[in-house]
Amino acid sequence: MRLIYLPQNEEEKIKDILKNSDRVHTVIIASEYGKYKKGDYVKTLGGERLVVSDTKVLRSFEDFQKECTHYPELKDTNLEDIKKAFTHKKIEIIELRKYR
């Protein structure tokens, strides 16, 4: 099982979402991009055990804006930071499900 690195505030948000849902989506940028494939088992620093159930590579900020509307947990994402990231980094959305 591989360790998935998430910002601490995002890790807490994921924990909260998983209390009421069996899946959650997160944005992967820069050095973590491409590390996680569908079917990978991952563990957060906080101990949550998850499986990657889907990945979606985004090619542009406009793609992100279209996709993030489908994921309520991404609606509070700082869009200006994401827009800046697209100028020099690759971005993907991954879906994580509870692993029992």
N, C-alpha and C. Protein backbone atom coordinates (compact mmCIF):
# COMPACT_ATOMS: atom_id res chain seq x y z
N MET A 1 0.86 -1.17 0.00
CA MET A 1 0.00 0.00 0.00
C MET A 1 0.90 1.23 0.00
N ARG A 2 0.65 2.12 -0.92
CA ARG A 2 1.48 3.31 -1.08
C ARG A 2 0.88 4.48 -0.31
N LEU A 3 1.74 5.37 0.14
CA LEU A 3 1.32 6.56 0.86
C LEU A 3 0.93 7.64 -0.15
N ILE A 4 -0.22 8.27 0.06
CA ILE A 4 -0.65 9.37 -0.79
C ILE A 4 -0.46 10.67 0.00
N TYR A 5 0.20 11.61 -0.60
CA TYR A 5 0.50 12.88 0.07
C TYR A 5 -0.55 13.92 -0.29
N LEU A 6 -1.27 14.36 0.72
CA LEU A 6 -2.29 15.38 0.55
C LEU A 6 -2.01 16.51 1.53
N PRO A 7 -2.35 17.76 1.16
CA PRO A 7 -2.22 18.84 2.12
C PRO A 7 -3.05 18.52 3.37
N GLN A 8 -2.57 18.90 4.53
CA GLN A 8 -3.23 18.55 5.79
C GLN A 8 -4.69 18.98 5.82
N ASN A 9 -4.98 20.21 5.35
CA ASN A 9 -6.37 20.67 5.36
C ASN A 9 -7.24 19.83 4.42
N GLU A 10 -6.67 19.35 3.31
CA GLU A 10 -7.41 18.51 2.38
C GLU A 10 -7.64 17.12 2.97
N GLU A 11 -6.67 16.63 3.71
CA GLU A 11 -6.81 15.32 4.34
C GLU A 11 -7.97 15.34 5.35
N GLU A 12 -8.10 16.42 6.11
CA GLU A 12 -9.20 16.55 7.06
C GLU A 12 -10.54 16.62 6.33
N LYS A 13 -10.57 17.35 5.24
CA LYS A 13 -11.78 17.48 4.43
C LYS A 13 -12.20 16.10 3.90
N ILE A 14 -11.23 15.32 3.43
CA ILE A 14 -11.51 13.99 2.91
C ILE A 14 -12.08 13.09 4.01
N LYS A 15 -11.50 13.15 5.19
CA LYS A 15 -12.03 12.37 6.33
C LYS A 15 -13.49 12.70 6.59
N ASP A 16 -13.80 13.99 6.60
CA ASP A 16 -15.17 14.43 6.85
C ASP A 16 -16.13 13.93 5.76
N ILE A 17 -15.72 14.02 4.51
CA ILE A 17 -16.57 13.58 3.41
C ILE A 17 -16.80 12.07 3.49
N LEU A 18 -15.76 11.32 3.84
CA LEU A 18 -15.88 9.86 3.89
C LEU A 18 -16.74 9.37 5.06
N LYS A 19 -17.05 10.24 6.01
CA LYS A 19 -17.96 9.86 7.08
C LYS A 19 -19.37 9.64 6.53
N ASN A 20 -19.71 10.36 5.45
CA ASN A 20 -21.06 10.31 4.88
C ASN A 20 -21.11 9.72 3.49
N SER A 21 -19.98 9.40 2.92
CA SER A 21 -19.92 8.90 1.55
C SER A 21 -18.84 7.83 1.44
N ASP A 22 -18.95 6.99 0.43
CA ASP A 22 -17.91 5.96 0.26
C ASP A 22 -16.84 6.38 -0.73
N ARG A 23 -16.98 7.58 -1.31
CA ARG A 23 -15.96 8.05 -2.27
C ARG A 23 -15.75 9.55 -2.15
N VAL A 24 -14.60 9.97 -2.64
CA VAL A 24 -14.23 11.38 -2.61
C VAL A 24 -13.30 11.66 -3.79
N HIS A 25 -13.31 12.89 -4.26
CA HIS A 25 -12.44 13.30 -5.37
C HIS A 25 -11.45 14.34 -4.86
N THR A 26 -10.25 14.29 -5.42
CA THR A 26 -9.23 15.27 -5.06
C THR A 26 -8.44 15.64 -6.31
N VAL A 27 -7.83 16.81 -6.26
CA VAL A 27 -7.03 17.31 -7.37
C VAL A 27 -5.57 16.97 -7.09
N ILE A 28 -4.91 16.41 -8.10
CA ILE A 28 -3.50 16.05 -7.99
C ILE A 28 -2.72 16.96 -8.94
N ILE A 29 -1.69 17.60 -8.41
CA ILE A 29 -0.89 18.56 -9.18
C ILE A 29 0.59 18.27 -8.99
N ALA A 30 1.36 18.59 -10.01
CA ALA A 30 2.83 18.61 -9.93
C ALA A 30 3.44 17.26 -9.65
N SER A 31 4.22 17.15 -8.58
CA SER A 31 5.04 15.96 -8.34
C SER A 31 4.19 14.71 -8.08
N GLU A 32 2.96 14.86 -7.64
CA GLU A 32 2.09 13.70 -7.40
C GLU A 32 1.36 13.26 -8.67
N TYR A 33 1.39 14.11 -9.70
CA TYR A 33 0.68 13.82 -10.96
C TYR A 33 1.18 12.51 -11.57
N GLY A 34 0.25 11.66 -11.94
CA GLY A 34 0.58 10.43 -12.63
C GLY A 34 1.04 9.29 -11.74
N LYS A 35 1.17 9.52 -10.45
CA LYS A 35 1.65 8.48 -9.54
C LYS A 35 0.59 7.43 -9.24
N TYR A 36 -0.66 7.81 -9.29
CA TYR A 36 -1.73 6.93 -8.85
C TYR A 36 -2.55 6.43 -10.03
N LYS A 37 -2.71 5.13 -10.10
CA LYS A 37 -3.45 4.49 -11.18
C LYS A 37 -4.69 3.82 -10.62
N LYS A 38 -5.67 3.64 -11.47
CA LYS A 38 -6.90 2.96 -11.07
C LYS A 38 -6.54 1.59 -10.48
N GLY A 39 -7.10 1.30 -9.30
CA GLY A 39 -6.83 0.04 -8.63
C GLY A 39 -5.74 0.09 -7.58
N ASP A 40 -4.98 1.18 -7.53
CA ASP A 40 -3.94 1.33 -6.51
C ASP A 40 -4.56 1.50 -5.12
N TYR A 41 -3.96 0.84 -4.15
CA TYR A 41 -4.36 1.02 -2.76
C TYR A 41 -3.43 2.05 -2.14
N VAL A 42 -4.02 3.03 -1.45
CA VAL A 42 -3.24 4.11 -0.87
C VAL A 42 -3.65 4.34 0.58
N LYS A 43 -2.76 4.98 1.31
CA LYS A 43 -3.01 5.30 2.71
C LYS A 43 -2.59 6.75 2.91
N THR A 44 -3.44 7.53 3.60
CA THR A 44 -3.09 8.92 3.89
C THR A 44 -2.21 8.97 5.13
N LEU A 45 -1.57 10.09 5.35
CA LEU A 45 -0.75 10.26 6.55
C LEU A 45 -1.59 10.11 7.81
N GLY A 46 -2.89 10.41 7.71
CA GLY A 46 -3.80 10.27 8.84
C GLY A 46 -4.31 8.86 9.06
N GLY A 47 -3.93 7.93 8.17
CA GLY A 47 -4.30 6.53 8.35
C GLY A 47 -5.49 6.05 7.56
N GLU A 48 -6.14 6.92 6.78
CA GLU A 48 -7.26 6.49 5.94
C GLU A 48 -6.74 5.54 4.86
N ARG A 49 -7.41 4.39 4.73
CA ARG A 49 -7.04 3.41 3.69
C ARG A 49 -8.06 3.52 2.56
N LEU A 50 -7.54 3.79 1.35
CA LEU A 50 -8.39 4.08 0.21
C LEU A 50 -7.91 3.31 -1.02
N VAL A 51 -8.78 3.21 -2.00
CA VAL A 51 -8.39 2.64 -3.29
C VAL A 51 -8.71 3.69 -4.37
N VAL A 52 -7.82 3.83 -5.34
CA VAL A 52 -8.04 4.75 -6.46
C VAL A 52 -9.02 4.07 -7.40
N SER A 53 -10.20 4.65 -7.55
CA SER A 53 -11.22 4.03 -8.40
C SER A 53 -11.34 4.68 -9.77
N ASP A 54 -10.75 5.87 -9.93
CA ASP A 54 -10.79 6.53 -11.24
C ASP A 54 -9.77 7.66 -11.26
N THR A 55 -9.28 7.96 -12.44
CA THR A 55 -8.41 9.13 -12.63
C THR A 55 -8.86 9.86 -13.89
N LYS A 56 -8.77 11.16 -13.88
CA LYS A 56 -9.15 11.96 -15.05
C LYS A 56 -8.10 13.04 -15.26
N VAL A 57 -7.39 12.94 -16.37
CA VAL A 57 -6.36 13.92 -16.72
C VAL A 57 -7.07 15.14 -17.32
N LEU A 58 -6.67 16.31 -16.88
CA LEU A 58 -7.25 17.55 -17.38
C LEU A 58 -6.22 18.30 -18.22
N ARG A 59 -6.64 18.75 -19.36
CA ARG A 59 -5.73 19.41 -20.31
C ARG A 59 -5.71 20.92 -20.20
N SER A 60 -6.79 21.49 -19.64
CA SER A 60 -6.86 22.95 -19.57
C SER A 60 -7.71 23.38 -18.38
N PHE A 61 -7.60 24.65 -18.05
CA PHE A 61 -8.41 25.20 -16.95
C PHE A 61 -9.89 25.09 -17.29
N GLU A 62 -10.22 25.28 -18.54
CA GLU A 62 -11.61 25.17 -18.96
C GLU A 62 -12.13 23.75 -18.73
N ASP A 63 -11.29 22.74 -18.99
CA ASP A 63 -11.67 21.36 -18.70
C ASP A 63 -11.94 21.19 -17.20
N PHE A 64 -11.08 21.78 -16.38
CA PHE A 64 -11.26 21.69 -14.93
C PHE A 64 -12.59 22.31 -14.53
N GLN A 65 -12.91 23.48 -15.05
CA GLN A 65 -14.16 24.15 -14.69
C GLN A 65 -15.36 23.28 -15.06
N LYS A 66 -15.31 22.61 -16.21
CA LYS A 66 -16.41 21.73 -16.61
C LYS A 66 -16.51 20.52 -15.70
N GLU A 67 -15.39 19.91 -15.38
CA GLU A 67 -15.37 18.69 -14.58
C GLU A 67 -15.69 18.93 -13.11
N CYS A 68 -15.18 20.01 -12.54
CA CYS A 68 -15.34 20.20 -11.09
C CYS A 68 -16.79 20.40 -10.70
N THR A 69 -17.64 20.80 -11.63
CA THR A 69 -19.06 20.94 -11.30
C THR A 69 -19.71 19.60 -10.96
N HIS A 70 -19.10 18.50 -11.40
CA HIS A 70 -19.63 17.16 -11.13
C HIS A 70 -19.21 16.64 -9.76
N TYR A 71 -18.28 17.33 -9.10
CA TYR A 71 -17.74 16.86 -7.84
C TYR A 71 -17.97 17.93 -6.77
N PRO A 72 -19.01 17.77 -5.95
CA PRO A 72 -19.33 18.82 -4.97
C PRO A 72 -18.17 19.14 -4.02
N GLU A 73 -17.32 18.17 -3.72
CA GLU A 73 -16.22 18.44 -2.79
C GLU A 73 -15.14 19.33 -3.40
N LEU A 74 -15.21 19.57 -4.72
CA LEU A 74 -14.22 20.45 -5.36
C LEU A 74 -14.75 21.87 -5.56
N LYS A 75 -16.01 22.11 -5.22
CA LYS A 75 -16.60 23.42 -5.49
C LYS A 75 -15.93 24.55 -4.72
N ASP A 76 -15.29 24.22 -3.59
CA ASP A 76 -14.62 25.25 -2.80
C ASP A 76 -13.14 25.40 -3.17
N THR A 77 -12.72 24.70 -4.21
CA THR A 77 -11.33 24.78 -4.65
C THR A 77 -11.00 26.20 -5.08
N ASN A 78 -9.82 26.65 -4.74
CA ASN A 78 -9.39 27.99 -5.14
C ASN A 78 -9.10 28.00 -6.64
N LEU A 79 -10.03 28.50 -7.42
CA LEU A 79 -9.92 28.46 -8.87
C LEU A 79 -8.74 29.27 -9.40
N GLU A 80 -8.40 30.35 -8.74
CA GLU A 80 -7.26 31.16 -9.20
C GLU A 80 -5.96 30.36 -9.09
N ASP A 81 -5.79 29.61 -8.00
CA ASP A 81 -4.59 28.78 -7.85
C ASP A 81 -4.55 27.69 -8.91
N ILE A 82 -5.69 27.09 -9.18
CA ILE A 82 -5.75 26.04 -10.22
C ILE A 82 -5.43 26.64 -11.58
N LYS A 83 -5.97 27.81 -11.87
CA LYS A 83 -5.71 28.47 -13.16
C LYS A 83 -4.22 28.74 -13.32
N LYS A 84 -3.57 29.22 -12.27
CA LYS A 84 -2.12 29.48 -12.32
C LYS A 84 -1.36 28.17 -12.51
N ALA A 85 -1.80 27.12 -11.84
CA ALA A 85 -1.11 25.83 -11.94
C ALA A 85 -1.12 25.30 -13.37
N PHE A 86 -2.19 25.53 -14.11
CA PHE A 86 -2.27 25.05 -15.48
C PHE A 86 -1.24 25.70 -16.40
N THR A 87 -0.68 26.83 -16.00
CA THR A 87 0.31 27.48 -16.86
C THR A 87 1.63 26.72 -16.90
N HIS A 88 1.91 25.89 -15.88
CA HIS A 88 3.20 25.19 -15.88
C HIS A 88 3.16 23.80 -15.24
N LYS A 89 1.98 23.28 -14.90
CA LYS A 89 1.91 21.96 -14.27
C LYS A 89 0.79 21.13 -14.88
N LYS A 90 0.93 19.84 -14.74
CA LYS A 90 -0.12 18.92 -15.16
C LYS A 90 -1.05 18.68 -13.98
N ILE A 91 -2.33 18.49 -14.29
CA ILE A 91 -3.34 18.35 -13.24
C ILE A 91 -4.26 17.19 -13.58
N GLU A 92 -4.67 16.45 -12.54
CA GLU A 92 -5.66 15.40 -12.73
C GLU A 92 -6.57 15.35 -11.50
N ILE A 93 -7.74 14.78 -11.70
CA ILE A 93 -8.67 14.54 -10.61
C ILE A 93 -8.67 13.04 -10.37
N ILE A 94 -8.53 12.62 -9.11
CA ILE A 94 -8.63 11.20 -8.82
C ILE A 94 -9.80 10.96 -7.87
N GLU A 95 -10.43 9.83 -8.09
CA GLU A 95 -11.51 9.40 -7.21
C GLU A 95 -10.97 8.35 -6.26
N LEU A 96 -11.22 8.55 -4.98
CA LEU A 96 -10.77 7.61 -3.94
C LEU A 96 -11.99 7.02 -3.27
N ARG A 97 -11.95 5.71 -3.05
CA ARG A 97 -13.06 5.03 -2.34
C ARG A 97 -12.52 4.40 -1.08
N LYS A 98 -13.39 4.24 -0.10
CA LYS A 98 -13.02 3.58 1.14
C LYS A 98 -12.57 2.16 0.83
N TYR A 99 -11.53 1.73 1.49
CA TYR A 99 -11.04 0.37 1.39
C TYR A 99 -11.31 -0.31 2.71
N ARG A 100 -12.04 -1.38 2.67
CA ARG A 100 -12.41 -2.07 3.91
C ARG A 100 -11.59 -3.30 4.09
